[in-house]
């Protein structure tokens, strides 16, 4: 599921890169969540399901929507109007670093450990190696745009920790995804109308419409259904490791679909990311340690 989510979210940078040529930021993020909300509500209707109407639950949906959609989507889209998508994606890959720190402060069961810190550091280094030195060419030239994407990563970290409560509330991942994007649409649609006045814009081209559909249905509706399922089973730190896998998915898709060549830096970066994920997960190292202890016990 994490690999699938990385492909879906990796596509969002491409879709946004297409849409910013024709549409302003708030219109992009509002159309993204509105289309996703419509699709998810239709799916629930077909399934004969409905979301609970508890005020406490909807208050949580609005807070989650603010932290996970309204703030980061707006900041990333605005940032991508000033910096390249590649730089935006690598800045977004700092999300697990922020998440490890936020989870350490705000949770009891996702405390900071040397393994997790080393794993996140190795994973981020892998992303940097994979993307190549040229991705940093624009670093420092658009301070506020880069700061916006980093602030979005911090907002994602808080959202991941906040979203843990939906499992305790007994809310299904599909219902959580639907409630979150619905709340986000309620907040963003009036804002986009006020700021962007979309009725005054020129009619977008066919590629922009296609990117809008991909962004709303694939990178939002389907992606958040997976996101909340992983969050409920694996925790905030693990689900946000997806930002380390987004560049991996993009490169592998290029190799498998477009026939691109797998460069040495890509292989080195993927190796570092794999090492980082193993360190954070911990199961590989616990298995090795257990095997060593068993062997020592047998020798004695």
Foldseek 3Di string as FASTA:
>chain_A
DLLLLLQLQLLLLVLLLVQVVFADQLVLLLLQLVLLLVVLVVVCVVVVHDADPDPVVLVLLLLLLVLQRVQQSSLLSVLCVPAPSLLLLLLLLCLLVLLLVVCCVPHDPSHDDPLLNLLSVLLSVLSDLQSDPVNCVCPPVCVSSSVSSNVSSNSLSVSQQSLLCCVVVVHQQSSSLSSNSVSNSVVRVVVCCVPVVVVPGDDDDPSSVVSSCSSRHRNRNVSSSVLSVCCNPPNSSVSSNSSSCNSVSVVVCCCPPVVDDCDPSNVVSVVSNVSSNCSNVVPVVVVVVVVVVVVVVVVD
